[in-house]
Amino acid sequence: DLVMVHCVAVSRSSTPQPTLPDALAEH
């Protein structure tokens, strides 16, 4: 299990790392 904590003033849909969750989900 891994939890991501986003940067300032963004949500899951507006994060500057929108594709990172899927990349991490490979592992």
PDB file of all heavy atoms in Angstrom:
ATOM      1  N   ASP A   1       0.823  -1.208   0.000  1.00  0.00           N
ATOM      2  CA  ASP A   1       0.000   0.000   0.000  1.00  0.00           C
ATOM      3  C   ASP A   1       0.859   1.260   0.000  1.00  0.00           C
ATOM      4  O   ASP A   1       1.854   1.352   0.730  1.00  0.00           O
ATOM      5  CB  ASP A   1      -0.917   0.005   1.225  1.00  0.00           C
ATOM      6  CG  ASP A   1      -1.996  -1.054   1.135  1.00  0.00           C
ATOM      7  OD1 ASP A   1      -1.712  -2.219   1.479  1.00  0.00           O
ATOM      8  OD2 ASP A   1      -3.103  -0.725   0.699  1.00  0.00           O
ATOM      9  N   LEU A   2       0.451   2.221  -0.816  1.00  0.00           N
ATOM     10  CA  LEU A   2       1.139   3.501  -0.922  1.00  0.00           C
ATOM     11  C   LEU A   2       0.094   4.607  -0.995  1.00  0.00           C
ATOM     12  O   LEU A   2      -0.856   4.518  -1.777  1.00  0.00           O
ATOM     13  CB  LEU A   2       2.031   3.532  -2.169  1.00  0.00           C
ATOM     14  CG  LEU A   2       2.798   4.821  -2.459  1.00  0.00           C
ATOM     15  CD1 LEU A   2       4.138   4.498  -3.128  1.00  0.00           C
ATOM     16  CD2 LEU A   2       2.007   5.793  -3.338  1.00  0.00           C
ATOM     17  N   VAL A   3       0.267   5.665  -0.188  1.00  0.00           N
ATOM     18  CA  VAL A   3      -0.634   6.810  -0.229  1.00  0.00           C
ATOM     19  C   VAL A   3       0.111   7.999  -0.820  1.00  0.00           C
ATOM     20  O   VAL A   3       1.268   8.253  -0.488  1.00  0.00           O
ATOM     21  CB  VAL A   3      -1.200   7.142   1.169  1.00  0.00           C
ATOM     22  CG1 VAL A   3      -0.095   7.493   2.162  1.00  0.00           C
ATOM     23  CG2 VAL A   3      -2.217   8.276   1.088  1.00  0.00           C
ATOM     24  N   MET A   4      -0.560   8.711  -1.742  1.00  0.00           N
ATOM     25  CA  MET A   4      -0.001   9.903  -2.362  1.00  0.00           C
ATOM     26  C   MET A   4      -0.595  11.144  -1.703  1.00  0.00           C
ATOM     27  O   MET A   4      -1.813  11.250  -1.550  1.00  0.00           O
ATOM     28  CB  MET A   4      -0.312   9.931  -3.863  1.00  0.00           C
ATOM     29  CG  MET A   4       0.391   8.870  -4.674  1.00  0.00           C
ATOM     30  SD  MET A   4       0.006   8.991  -6.458  1.00  0.00           S
ATOM     31  CE  MET A   4       0.599  10.652  -6.840  1.00  0.00           C
ATOM     32  N   VAL A   5       0.276  12.083  -1.342  1.00  0.00           N
ATOM     33  CA  VAL A   5      -0.157  13.352  -0.775  1.00  0.00           C
ATOM     34  C   VAL A   5       0.152  14.446  -1.794  1.00  0.00           C
ATOM     35  O   VAL A   5       1.322  14.702  -2.111  1.00  0.00           O
ATOM     36  CB  VAL A   5       0.544  13.646   0.565  1.00  0.00           C
ATOM     37  CG1 VAL A   5       0.041  14.953   1.158  1.00  0.00           C
ATOM     38  CG2 VAL A   5       0.320  12.498   1.546  1.00  0.00           C
ATOM     39  N   HIS A   6      -0.905  15.076  -2.307  1.00  0.00           N
ATOM     40  CA  HIS A   6      -0.735  16.049  -3.387  1.00  0.00           C
ATOM     41  C   HIS A   6      -0.152  17.368  -2.897  1.00  0.00           C
ATOM     42  O   HIS A   6      -0.176  17.681  -1.704  1.00  0.00           O
ATOM     43  CB  HIS A   6      -2.079  16.315  -4.067  1.00  0.00           C
ATOM     44  CG  HIS A   6      -2.631  15.134  -4.800  1.00  0.00           C
ATOM     45  ND1 HIS A   6      -1.900  14.428  -5.741  1.00  0.00           N
ATOM     46  CD2 HIS A   6      -3.847  14.528  -4.741  1.00  0.00           C
ATOM     47  CE1 HIS A   6      -2.638  13.449  -6.222  1.00  0.00           C
ATOM     48  NE2 HIS A   6      -3.823  13.477  -5.628  1.00  0.00           N
ATOM     49  N   CYS A   7       0.333  18.146  -3.846  1.00  0.00           N
ATOM     50  CA  CYS A   7       0.894  19.456  -3.538  1.00  0.00           C
ATOM     51  C   CYS A   7      -0.232  20.471  -3.325  1.00  0.00           C
ATOM     52  O   CYS A   7      -1.409  20.118  -3.254  1.00  0.00           O
ATOM     53  CB  CYS A   7       1.835  19.898  -4.656  1.00  0.00           C
ATOM     54  SG  CYS A   7       1.067  20.046  -6.288  1.00  0.00           S
ATOM     55  N   VAL A   8       0.141  21.716  -3.245  1.00  0.00           N
ATOM     56  CA  VAL A   8      -0.778  22.781  -2.853  1.00  0.00           C
ATOM     57  C   VAL A   8      -1.916  22.971  -3.851  1.00  0.00           C
ATOM     58  O   VAL A   8      -1.720  22.971  -5.061  1.00  0.00           O
ATOM     59  CB  VAL A   8       0.001  24.107  -2.674  1.00  0.00           C
ATOM     60  CG1 VAL A   8       0.684  24.521  -3.975  1.00  0.00           C
ATOM     61  CG2 VAL A   8      -0.892  25.214  -2.141  1.00  0.00           C
ATOM     62  N   ALA A   9      -3.125  23.127  -3.316  1.00  0.00           N
ATOM     63  CA  ALA A   9      -4.283  23.616  -4.066  1.00  0.00           C
ATOM     64  C   ALA A   9      -4.603  22.816  -5.317  1.00  0.00           C
ATOM     65  O   ALA A   9      -5.012  23.381  -6.334  1.00  0.00           O
ATOM     66  CB  ALA A   9      -4.085  25.100  -4.431  1.00  0.00           C
ATOM     67  N   VAL A  10      -4.424  21.493  -5.253  1.00  0.00           N
ATOM     68  CA  VAL A  10      -4.831  20.639  -6.363  1.00  0.00           C
ATOM     69  C   VAL A  10      -5.640  19.469  -5.810  1.00  0.00           C
ATOM     70  O   VAL A  10      -5.602  19.174  -4.612  1.00  0.00           O
ATOM     71  CB  VAL A  10      -3.632  20.099  -7.176  1.00  0.00           C
ATOM     72  CG1 VAL A  10      -2.785  21.234  -7.728  1.00  0.00           C
ATOM     73  CG2 VAL A  10      -2.777  19.147  -6.355  1.00  0.00           C
ATOM     74  N   SER A  11      -6.359  18.812  -6.695  1.00  0.00           N
ATOM     75  CA  SER A  11      -7.144  17.635  -6.330  1.00  0.00           C
ATOM     76  C   SER A  11      -6.643  16.442  -7.138  1.00  0.00           C
ATOM     77  O   SER A  11      -5.701  16.558  -7.925  1.00  0.00           O
ATOM     78  CB  SER A  11      -8.623  17.885  -6.619  1.00  0.00           C
ATOM     79  OG  SER A  11      -8.826  18.035  -8.020  1.00  0.00           O
ATOM     80  N   ARG A  12      -7.301  15.297  -6.975  1.00  0.00           N
ATOM     81  CA  ARG A  12      -6.931  14.128  -7.772  1.00  0.00           C
ATOM     82  C   ARG A  12      -7.080  14.404  -9.262  1.00  0.00           C
ATOM     83  O   ARG A  12      -6.331  13.857 -10.081  1.00  0.00           O
ATOM     84  CB  ARG A  12      -7.819  12.942  -7.391  1.00  0.00           C
ATOM     85  CG  ARG A  12      -7.611  12.399  -5.989  1.00  0.00           C
ATOM     86  CD  ARG A  12      -8.720  11.435  -5.610  1.00  0.00           C
ATOM     87  NE  ARG A  12     -10.001  12.128  -5.545  1.00  0.00           N
ATOM     88  CZ  ARG A  12     -11.184  11.532  -5.507  1.00  0.00           C
ATOM     89  NH1 ARG A  12     -11.270  10.214  -5.554  1.00  0.00           N
ATOM     90  NH2 ARG A  12     -12.296  12.240  -5.446  1.00  0.00           N
ATOM     91  N   SER A  13      -8.044  15.244  -9.633  1.00  0.00           N
ATOM     92  CA  SER A  13      -8.294  15.503 -11.056  1.00  0.00           C
ATOM     93  C   SER A  13      -7.453  16.644 -11.611  1.00  0.00           C
ATOM     94  O   SER A  13      -7.373  16.802 -12.836  1.00  0.00           O
ATOM     95  CB  SER A  13      -9.783  15.821 -11.277  1.00  0.00           C
ATOM     96  OG  SER A  13     -10.147  16.999 -10.586  1.00  0.00           O
ATOM     97  N   SER A  14      -6.812  17.431 -10.742  1.00  0.00           N
ATOM     98  CA  SER A  14      -6.039  18.574 -11.242  1.00  0.00           C
ATOM     99  C   SER A  14      -4.569  18.511 -10.849  1.00  0.00           C
ATOM    100  O   SER A  14      -3.836  19.466 -11.067  1.00  0.00           O
ATOM    101  CB  SER A  14      -6.647  19.881 -10.716  1.00  0.00           C
ATOM    102  OG  SER A  14      -6.542  19.977  -9.301  1.00  0.00           O
ATOM    103  N   THR A  15      -4.139  17.378 -10.289  1.00  0.00           N
ATOM    104  CA  THR A  15      -2.741  17.248  -9.886  1.00  0.00           C
ATOM    105  C   THR A  15      -1.802  17.421 -11.082  1.00  0.00           C
ATOM    106  O   THR A  15      -2.132  16.988 -12.195  1.00  0.00           O
ATOM    107  CB  THR A  15      -2.504  15.868  -9.243  1.00  0.00           C
ATOM    108  OG1 THR A  15      -1.091  15.664  -9.072  1.00  0.00           O
ATOM    109  CG2 THR A  15      -3.045  14.746 -10.108  1.00  0.00           C
ATOM    110  N   PRO A  16      -0.617  18.004 -10.872  1.00  0.00           N
ATOM    111  CA  PRO A  16       0.364  18.080 -11.961  1.00  0.00           C
ATOM    112  C   PRO A  16       1.019  16.736 -12.260  1.00  0.00           C
ATOM    113  O   PRO A  16       1.845  16.645 -13.171  1.00  0.00           O
ATOM    114  CB  PRO A  16       1.391  19.095 -11.431  1.00  0.00           C
ATOM    115  CG  PRO A  16       1.267  19.024  -9.952  1.00  0.00           C
ATOM    116  CD  PRO A  16      -0.174  18.742  -9.674  1.00  0.00           C
ATOM    117  N   GLN A  17       0.652  15.695 -11.502  1.00  0.00           N
ATOM    118  CA  GLN A  17       1.166  14.341 -11.744  1.00  0.00           C
ATOM    119  C   GLN A  17      -0.004  13.396 -12.038  1.00  0.00           C
ATOM    120  O   GLN A  17      -0.194  12.388 -11.353  1.00  0.00           O
ATOM    121  CB  GLN A  17       1.949  13.857 -10.526  1.00  0.00           C
ATOM    122  CG  GLN A  17       3.169  14.713 -10.201  1.00  0.00           C
ATOM    123  CD  GLN A  17       3.912  14.195  -8.991  1.00  0.00           C
ATOM    124  OE1 GLN A  17       3.350  13.977  -7.927  1.00  0.00           O
ATOM    125  NE2 GLN A  17       5.210  13.983  -9.159  1.00  0.00           N
ATOM    126  N   PRO A  18      -0.785  13.676 -13.075  1.00  0.00           N
ATOM    127  CA  PRO A  18      -2.029  12.935 -13.295  1.00  0.00           C
ATOM    128  C   PRO A  18      -1.843  11.468 -13.657  1.00  0.00           C
ATOM    129  O   PRO A  18      -2.725  10.644 -13.396  1.00  0.00           O
ATOM    130  CB  PRO A  18      -2.695  13.700 -14.446  1.00  0.00           C
ATOM    131  CG  PRO A  18      -1.550  14.340 -15.176  1.00  0.00           C
ATOM    132  CD  PRO A  18      -0.571  14.704 -14.109  1.00  0.00           C
ATOM    133  N   THR A  19      -0.718  11.114 -14.263  1.00  0.00           N
ATOM    134  CA  THR A  19      -0.514   9.731 -14.699  1.00  0.00           C
ATOM    135  C   THR A  19       0.352   8.920 -13.736  1.00  0.00           C
ATOM    136  O   THR A  19       0.529   7.716 -13.930  1.00  0.00           O
ATOM    137  CB  THR A  19       0.129   9.695 -16.099  1.00  0.00           C
ATOM    138  OG1 THR A  19       1.353  10.464 -16.073  1.00  0.00           O
ATOM    139  CG2 THR A  19      -0.803  10.310 -17.141  1.00  0.00           C
ATOM    140  N   LEU A  20       0.881   9.578 -12.713  1.00  0.00           N
ATOM    141  CA  LEU A  20       1.741   8.862 -11.775  1.00  0.00           C
ATOM    142  C   LEU A  20       1.005   7.758 -11.006  1.00  0.00           C
ATOM    143  O   LEU A  20       1.575   6.676 -10.802  1.00  0.00           O
ATOM    144  CB  LEU A  20       2.395   9.849 -10.805  1.00  0.00           C
ATOM    145  CG  LEU A  20       3.347   9.234  -9.775  1.00  0.00           C
ATOM    146  CD1 LEU A  20       4.496   8.487 -10.449  1.00  0.00           C
ATOM    147  CD2 LEU A  20       3.891  10.317  -8.838  1.00  0.00           C
ATOM    148  N   PRO A  21      -0.252   7.970 -10.558  1.00  0.00           N
ATOM    149  CA  PRO A  21      -0.927   6.872  -9.851  1.00  0.00           C
ATOM    150  C   PRO A  21      -0.987   5.579 -10.658  1.00  0.00           C
ATOM    151  O   PRO A  21      -0.772   4.488 -10.119  1.00  0.00           O
ATOM    152  CB  PRO A  21      -2.325   7.439  -9.580  1.00  0.00           C
ATOM    153  CG  PRO A  21      -2.114   8.914  -9.505  1.00  0.00           C
ATOM    154  CD  PRO A  21      -1.062   9.198 -10.536  1.00  0.00           C
ATOM    155  N   ASP A  22      -1.269   5.679 -11.953  1.00  0.00           N
ATOM    156  CA  ASP A  22      -1.327   4.470 -12.783  1.00  0.00           C
ATOM    157  C   ASP A  22       0.045   3.826 -12.927  1.00  0.00           C
ATOM    158  O   ASP A  22       0.168   2.588 -12.954  1.00  0.00           O
ATOM    159  CB  ASP A  22      -1.896   4.796 -14.161  1.00  0.00           C
ATOM    160  CG  ASP A  22      -3.399   5.015 -14.130  1.00  0.00           C
ATOM    161  OD1 ASP A  22      -4.062   4.462 -13.231  1.00  0.00           O
ATOM    162  OD2 ASP A  22      -3.914   5.744 -14.995  1.00  0.00           O
ATOM    163  N   ALA A  23       1.091   4.659 -13.026  1.00  0.00           N
ATOM    164  CA  ALA A  23       2.443   4.103 -13.127  1.00  0.00           C
ATOM    165  C   ALA A  23       2.820   3.367 -11.843  1.00  0.00           C
ATOM    166  O   ALA A  23       3.350   2.246 -11.876  1.00  0.00           O
ATOM    167  CB  ALA A  23       3.448   5.220 -13.420  1.00  0.00           C
ATOM    168  N   LEU A  24       2.522   3.972 -10.701  1.00  0.00           N
ATOM    169  CA  LEU A  24       2.825   3.339  -9.419  1.00  0.00           C
ATOM    170  C   LEU A  24       1.982   2.082  -9.198  1.00  0.00           C
ATOM    171  O   LEU A  24       2.418   1.138  -8.526  1.00  0.00           O
ATOM    172  CB  LEU A  24       2.584   4.328  -8.280  1.00  0.00           C
ATOM    173  CG  LEU A  24       3.595   5.470  -8.151  1.00  0.00           C
ATOM    174  CD1 LEU A  24       3.080   6.527  -7.179  1.00  0.00           C
ATOM    175  CD2 LEU A  24       4.953   4.938  -7.679  1.00  0.00           C
ATOM    176  N   ALA A  25       0.771   2.087  -9.773  1.00  0.00           N
ATOM    177  CA  ALA A  25      -0.141   0.953  -9.574  1.00  0.00           C
ATOM    178  C   ALA A  25       0.356  -0.330 -10.220  1.00  0.00           C
ATOM    179  O   ALA A  25      -0.188  -1.408  -9.959  1.00  0.00           O
ATOM    180  CB  ALA A  25      -1.531   1.302 -10.113  1.00  0.00           C
ATOM    181  N   GLU A  26       1.405  -0.256 -11.034  1.00  0.00           N
ATOM    182  CA  GLU A  26       2.023  -1.470 -11.567  1.00  0.00           C
ATOM    183  C   GLU A  26       2.742  -2.244 -10.464  1.00  0.00           C
ATOM    184  O   GLU A  26       3.014  -3.441 -10.612  1.00  0.00           O
ATOM    185  CB  GLU A  26       3.021  -1.105 -12.671  1.00  0.00           C
ATOM    186  CG  GLU A  26       2.395  -0.487 -13.909  1.00  0.00           C
ATOM    187  CD  GLU A  26       1.513  -1.473 -14.658  1.00  0.00           C
ATOM    188  OE1 GLU A  26       1.895  -2.670 -14.718  1.00  0.00           O
ATOM    189  OE2 GLU A  26       0.453  -1.064 -15.150  1.00  0.00           O
ATOM    190  N   HIS A  27       3.028  -1.567  -9.349  1.00  0.00           N
ATOM    191  CA  HIS A  27       3.799  -2.190  -8.273  1.00  0.00           C
ATOM    192  C   HIS A  27       3.141  -2.070  -6.898  1.00  0.00           C
ATOM    193  O   HIS A  27       3.537  -2.774  -5.971  1.00  0.00           O
ATOM    194  CB  HIS A  27       5.187  -1.550  -8.196  1.00  0.00           C
ATOM    195  CG  HIS A  27       5.923  -1.535  -9.494  1.00  0.00           C
ATOM    196  ND1 HIS A  27       6.584  -2.634  -9.984  1.00  0.00           N
ATOM    197  CD2 HIS A  27       6.069  -0.546 -10.422  1.00  0.00           C
ATOM    198  CE1 HIS A  27       7.133  -2.335 -11.154  1.00  0.00           C
ATOM    199  NE2 HIS A  27       6.835  -1.078 -11.448  1.00  0.00           N
TER     200      HIS A  27
END
